[in-house]
Amino acid sequence: MDLDQQIQVLIEQAPQDGTTPRLIEAIAPILKQIAGRLRHPQYYVLQTLNQSWIVTTLNQRSQPGVEKNVVYAFSTLKDVASGPYQLQDPEVLALPMPIAHILFYLISMPGLDGMIFFDTPGNVDIGTEIVREELTKLIQGHMQQLSTPSNNLPPDVA
């Protein structure tokens, strides 16, 4: 499923409250931009049986006491088994998710600092981090541009 199809599914599955589908449409260019940094249309995300993502708390070696909460996203199911989690827990599943859905959920999870995407199959040592704060700032800037009247109009347009 390509990004446009993924976004269309997000819109269709969103609460039909008159706001959420329009919001998804509005932020679609940012979701596409960020997804363009990654190599795959879907990733495997570790989840519990009630669909809660498995969050990992990382500590910075250079700054003791500084932590961040991340979720790992793997390009292949085989890589999940090579990752930091032992999948022997029957309460934990690795489920494929479209990249647009992952990014949309990332912005809606306030306790999460980011996602680490393992793009290269067979390599779970080097990942691409998408920082939630960066994604949120891009979306806010985009929304401000959408709400600002066009500067291309001459000042005497009445």
C-alpha atoms as a PDB file:
ATOM      1  CA  MET A   1       0.000   0.000   0.000  1.00  0.00           C
ATOM      2  CA  ASP A   2       1.528   3.350  -1.010  1.00  0.00           C
ATOM      3  CA  LEU A   3       1.455   6.450   1.202  1.00  0.00           C
ATOM      4  CA  ASP A   4      -1.608   7.972  -0.443  1.00  0.00           C
ATOM      5  CA  GLN A   5      -3.537   4.742   0.103  1.00  0.00           C
ATOM      6  CA  GLN A   6      -2.336   4.572   3.723  1.00  0.00           C
ATOM      7  CA  ILE A   7      -3.517   8.112   4.378  1.00  0.00           C
ATOM      8  CA  GLN A   8      -6.863   7.370   2.757  1.00  0.00           C
ATOM      9  CA  VAL A   9      -7.292   4.368   5.087  1.00  0.00           C
ATOM     10  CA  LEU A  10      -6.379   6.587   8.064  1.00  0.00           C
ATOM     11  CA  ILE A  11      -9.065   9.058   7.012  1.00  0.00           C
ATOM     12  CA  GLU A  12     -11.659   6.322   6.530  1.00  0.00           C
ATOM     13  CA  GLN A  13     -10.868   4.711   9.900  1.00  0.00           C
ATOM     14  CA  ALA A  14     -10.768   8.011  11.802  1.00  0.00           C
ATOM     15  CA  PRO A  15     -13.669   8.971  14.034  1.00  0.00           C
ATOM     16  CA  GLN A  16     -16.188  10.664  11.766  1.00  0.00           C
ATOM     17  CA  ASP A  17     -16.465  13.651  14.073  1.00  0.00           C
ATOM     18  CA  GLY A  18     -16.085  16.275  11.382  1.00  0.00           C
ATOM     19  CA  THR A  19     -12.608  17.207  12.597  1.00  0.00           C
ATOM     20  CA  THR A  20     -10.272  14.207  12.630  1.00  0.00           C
ATOM     21  CA  PRO A  21     -10.573  13.255   8.928  1.00  0.00           C
ATOM     22  CA  ARG A  22      -9.941  16.892   7.913  1.00  0.00           C
ATOM     23  CA  LEU A  23      -6.970  17.050  10.287  1.00  0.00           C
ATOM     24  CA  ILE A  24      -5.446  13.943   8.725  1.00  0.00           C
ATOM     25  CA  GLU A  25      -5.909  15.436   5.252  1.00  0.00           C
ATOM     26  CA  ALA A  26      -4.275  18.663   6.404  1.00  0.00           C
ATOM     27  CA  ILE A  27      -1.195  16.979   7.896  1.00  0.00           C
ATOM     28  CA  ALA A  28      -0.824  14.394   5.106  1.00  0.00           C
ATOM     29  CA  PRO A  29       2.022  16.344   3.408  1.00  0.00           C
ATOM     30  CA  ILE A  30       4.050  16.253   6.635  1.00  0.00           C
ATOM     31  CA  LEU A  31       3.380  12.533   7.152  1.00  0.00           C
ATOM     32  CA  LYS A  32       4.573  11.935   3.577  1.00  0.00           C
ATOM     33  CA  GLN A  33       7.649  14.100   4.097  1.00  0.00           C
ATOM     34  CA  ILE A  34       8.722  12.208   7.218  1.00  0.00           C
ATOM     35  CA  ALA A  35       7.859   8.827   5.689  1.00  0.00           C
ATOM     36  CA  GLY A  36      10.122   9.798   2.786  1.00  0.00           C
ATOM     37  CA  ARG A  37      13.101   9.556   5.145  1.00  0.00           C
ATOM     38  CA  LEU A  38      12.369   5.870   5.634  1.00  0.00           C
ATOM     39  CA  ARG A  39      12.756   2.933   3.257  1.00  0.00           C
ATOM     40  CA  HIS A  40       9.692   0.788   3.849  1.00  0.00           C
ATOM     41  CA  PRO A  41       5.909   1.233   3.535  1.00  0.00           C
ATOM     42  CA  GLN A  42       5.311  -0.773   6.719  1.00  0.00           C
ATOM     43  CA  TYR A  43       7.172  -1.774   9.855  1.00  0.00           C
ATOM     44  CA  TYR A  44       6.677  -4.317  12.599  1.00  0.00           C
ATOM     45  CA  VAL A  45       5.876  -2.774  15.974  1.00  0.00           C
ATOM     46  CA  LEU A  46       5.865  -4.733  19.221  1.00  0.00           C
ATOM     47  CA  GLN A  47       2.491  -4.562  20.918  1.00  0.00           C
ATOM     48  CA  THR A  48       0.670  -6.140  23.813  1.00  0.00           C
ATOM     49  CA  LEU A  49      -2.533  -8.100  23.278  1.00  0.00           C
ATOM     50  CA  ASN A  50      -4.550  -4.942  24.040  1.00  0.00           C
ATOM     51  CA  GLN A  51      -2.614  -3.125  21.256  1.00  0.00           C
ATOM     52  CA  SER A  52      -0.429  -0.987  23.518  1.00  0.00           C
ATOM     53  CA  TRP A  53       2.992  -0.383  22.025  1.00  0.00           C
ATOM     54  CA  ILE A  54       6.034  -1.702  23.867  1.00  0.00           C
ATOM     55  CA  VAL A  55       7.964   1.385  24.977  1.00  0.00           C
ATOM     56  CA  THR A  56      11.684   1.297  25.746  1.00  0.00           C
ATOM     57  CA  THR A  57      13.312   3.835  28.040  1.00  0.00           C
ATOM     58  CA  LEU A  58      16.791   4.777  26.836  1.00  0.00           C
ATOM     59  CA  ASN A  59      19.426   6.412  29.026  1.00  0.00           C
ATOM     60  CA  GLN A  60      22.090   8.691  27.567  1.00  0.00           C
ATOM     61  CA  ARG A  61      25.567   7.521  28.472  1.00  0.00           C
ATOM     62  CA  SER A  62      27.032  11.008  28.136  1.00  0.00           C
ATOM     63  CA  GLN A  63      24.323  12.594  30.320  1.00  0.00           C
ATOM     64  CA  PRO A  64      23.347  10.404  33.249  1.00  0.00           C
ATOM     65  CA  GLY A  65      19.744  10.937  34.291  1.00  0.00           C
ATOM     66  CA  VAL A  66      18.594  11.973  30.811  1.00  0.00           C
ATOM     67  CA  GLU A  67      16.070   9.497  29.475  1.00  0.00           C
ATOM     68  CA  LYS A  68      13.763   9.199  26.524  1.00  0.00           C
ATOM     69  CA  ASN A  69      10.933   6.812  25.718  1.00  0.00           C
ATOM     70  CA  VAL A  70      10.978   5.261  22.266  1.00  0.00           C
ATOM     71  CA  VAL A  71       9.255   2.539  20.303  1.00  0.00           C
ATOM     72  CA  TYR A  72      11.216   0.332  17.936  1.00  0.00           C
ATOM     73  CA  ALA A  73       9.910  -0.345  14.427  1.00  0.00           C
ATOM     74  CA  PHE A  74      11.502  -3.183  12.469  1.00  0.00           C
ATOM     75  CA  SER A  75      11.571  -3.610   8.699  1.00  0.00           C
ATOM     76  CA  THR A  76      11.236  -7.399   8.862  1.00  0.00           C
ATOM     77  CA  LEU A  77       9.772  -9.934  11.235  1.00  0.00           C
ATOM     78  CA  LYS A  78      13.158 -11.666  11.373  1.00  0.00           C
ATOM     79  CA  ASP A  79      14.703  -8.441  12.676  1.00  0.00           C
ATOM     80  CA  VAL A  80      12.188  -8.338  15.521  1.00  0.00           C
ATOM     81  CA  ALA A  81      13.669 -11.601  16.789  1.00  0.00           C
ATOM     82  CA  SER A  82      17.173 -10.063  16.596  1.00  0.00           C
ATOM     83  CA  GLY A  83      16.100  -6.962  18.497  1.00  0.00           C
ATOM     84  CA  PRO A  84      16.360  -6.258  22.197  1.00  0.00           C
ATOM     85  CA  TYR A  85      13.166  -8.129  23.120  1.00  0.00           C
ATOM     86  CA  GLN A  86      12.697 -11.804  23.607  1.00  0.00           C
ATOM     87  CA  LEU A  87       9.410 -12.685  21.959  1.00  0.00           C
ATOM     88  CA  GLN A  88       8.815 -15.560  24.322  1.00  0.00           C
ATOM     89  CA  ASP A  89       6.165 -13.543  26.134  1.00  0.00           C
ATOM     90  CA  PRO A  90       2.783 -14.726  24.797  1.00  0.00           C
ATOM     91  CA  GLU A  91       1.361 -11.274  25.636  1.00  0.00           C
ATOM     92  CA  VAL A  92       3.644  -9.544  23.097  1.00  0.00           C
ATOM     93  CA  LEU A  93       3.119  -9.587  19.337  1.00  0.00           C
ATOM     94  CA  ALA A  94       5.023  -8.049  16.445  1.00  0.00           C
ATOM     95  CA  LEU A  95       2.401  -6.653  14.085  1.00  0.00           C
ATOM     96  CA  PRO A  96       2.938  -4.945  10.718  1.00  0.00           C
ATOM     97  CA  MET A  97       1.716  -1.368  10.548  1.00  0.00           C
ATOM     98  CA  PRO A  98       1.693   1.091   7.630  1.00  0.00           C
ATOM     99  CA  ILE A  99       4.209   3.903   8.080  1.00  0.00           C
ATOM    100  CA  ALA A 100       1.552   6.636   7.846  1.00  0.00           C
ATOM    101  CA  HIS A 101      -0.349   5.031  10.732  1.00  0.00           C
ATOM    102  CA  ILE A 102       2.794   4.762  12.847  1.00  0.00           C
ATOM    103  CA  LEU A 103       3.622   8.437  12.336  1.00  0.00           C
ATOM    104  CA  PHE A 104       0.055   9.516  13.048  1.00  0.00           C
ATOM    105  CA  TYR A 105       0.005   7.506  16.284  1.00  0.00           C
ATOM    106  CA  LEU A 106       3.405   8.938  17.240  1.00  0.00           C
ATOM    107  CA  ILE A 107       2.009  12.483  17.349  1.00  0.00           C
ATOM    108  CA  SER A 108      -0.906  11.366  19.494  1.00  0.00           C
ATOM    109  CA  MET A 109       1.169   9.669  22.205  1.00  0.00           C
ATOM    110  CA  PRO A 110       2.367  12.351  24.647  1.00  0.00           C
ATOM    111  CA  GLY A 111       4.550  10.019  26.768  1.00  0.00           C
ATOM    112  CA  LEU A 112       6.556   8.950  23.745  1.00  0.00           C
ATOM    113  CA  ASP A 113       9.679  10.863  22.694  1.00  0.00           C
ATOM    114  CA  GLY A 114      10.186   9.141  19.361  1.00  0.00           C
ATOM    115  CA  MET A 115      10.394   6.074  17.172  1.00  0.00           C
ATOM    116  CA  ILE A 116      13.489   4.239  16.053  1.00  0.00           C
ATOM    117  CA  PHE A 117      13.093   2.631  12.639  1.00  0.00           C
ATOM    118  CA  PHE A 118      15.449  -0.178  11.701  1.00  0.00           C
ATOM    119  CA  ASP A 119      15.472   0.291   7.927  1.00  0.00           C
ATOM    120  CA  THR A 120      18.192  -2.136   6.912  1.00  0.00           C
ATOM    121  CA  PRO A 121      17.070  -5.761   7.117  1.00  0.00           C
ATOM    122  CA  GLY A 122      19.502  -7.743   9.219  1.00  0.00           C
ATOM    123  CA  ASN A 123      20.830  -4.683  11.067  1.00  0.00           C
ATOM    124  CA  VAL A 124      19.224  -3.789  14.392  1.00  0.00           C
ATOM    125  CA  ASP A 125      22.240  -1.800  15.557  1.00  0.00           C
ATOM    126  CA  ILE A 126      21.656   1.344  13.492  1.00  0.00           C
ATOM    127  CA  GLY A 127      18.242   2.942  13.206  1.00  0.00           C
ATOM    128  CA  THR A 128      16.650   6.150  12.013  1.00  0.00           C
ATOM    129  CA  GLU A 129      15.089   8.136  14.831  1.00  0.00           C
ATOM    130  CA  ILE A 130      11.962  10.199  14.261  1.00  0.00           C
ATOM    131  CA  VAL A 131      11.582  12.592  17.183  1.00  0.00           C
ATOM    132  CA  ARG A 132       7.997  13.289  18.229  1.00  0.00           C
ATOM    133  CA  GLU A 133       8.771  16.938  19.058  1.00  0.00           C
ATOM    134  CA  GLU A 134      10.258  17.513  15.588  1.00  0.00           C
ATOM    135  CA  LEU A 135       7.217  15.957  13.922  1.00  0.00           C
ATOM    136  CA  THR A 136       4.886  18.057  16.078  1.00  0.00           C
ATOM    137  CA  LYS A 137       6.747  21.270  15.191  1.00  0.00           C
ATOM    138  CA  LEU A 138       6.592  20.471  11.472  1.00  0.00           C
ATOM    139  CA  ILE A 139       2.854  19.882  11.735  1.00  0.00           C
ATOM    140  CA  GLN A 140       2.311  23.091  13.719  1.00  0.00           C
ATOM    141  CA  GLY A 141       4.262  25.103  11.141  1.00  0.00           C
ATOM    142  CA  HIS A 142       2.310  23.500   8.326  1.00  0.00           C
ATOM    143  CA  MET A 143      -1.018  24.221  10.026  1.00  0.00           C
ATOM    144  CA  GLN A 144      -0.002  27.858  10.551  1.00  0.00           C
ATOM    145  CA  GLN A 145       0.777  28.160   6.847  1.00  0.00           C
ATOM    146  CA  LEU A 146      -2.633  26.717   6.010  1.00  0.00           C
ATOM    147  CA  SER A 147      -4.406  29.183   8.278  1.00  0.00           C
ATOM    148  CA  THR A 148      -2.454  32.245   7.088  1.00  0.00           C
ATOM    149  CA  PRO A 149      -4.129  34.188   4.287  1.00  0.00           C
ATOM    150  CA  SER A 150      -2.253  33.877   1.041  1.00  0.00           C
ATOM    151  CA  ASN A 151       0.392  36.546   0.557  1.00  0.00           C
ATOM    152  CA  ASN A 152       0.100  36.169  -3.207  1.00  0.00           C
ATOM    153  CA  LEU A 153      -3.004  38.320  -3.413  1.00  0.00           C
ATOM    154  CA  PRO A 154      -2.612  42.011  -4.229  1.00  0.00           C
ATOM    155  CA  PRO A 155      -3.445  44.286  -1.265  1.00  0.00           C
ATOM    156  CA  ASP A 156      -6.349  45.949  -3.128  1.00  0.00           C
ATOM    157  CA  VAL A 157      -8.353  42.766  -3.730  1.00  0.00           C
ATOM    158  CA  ALA A 158     -11.811  43.404  -2.375  1.00  0.00           C
END
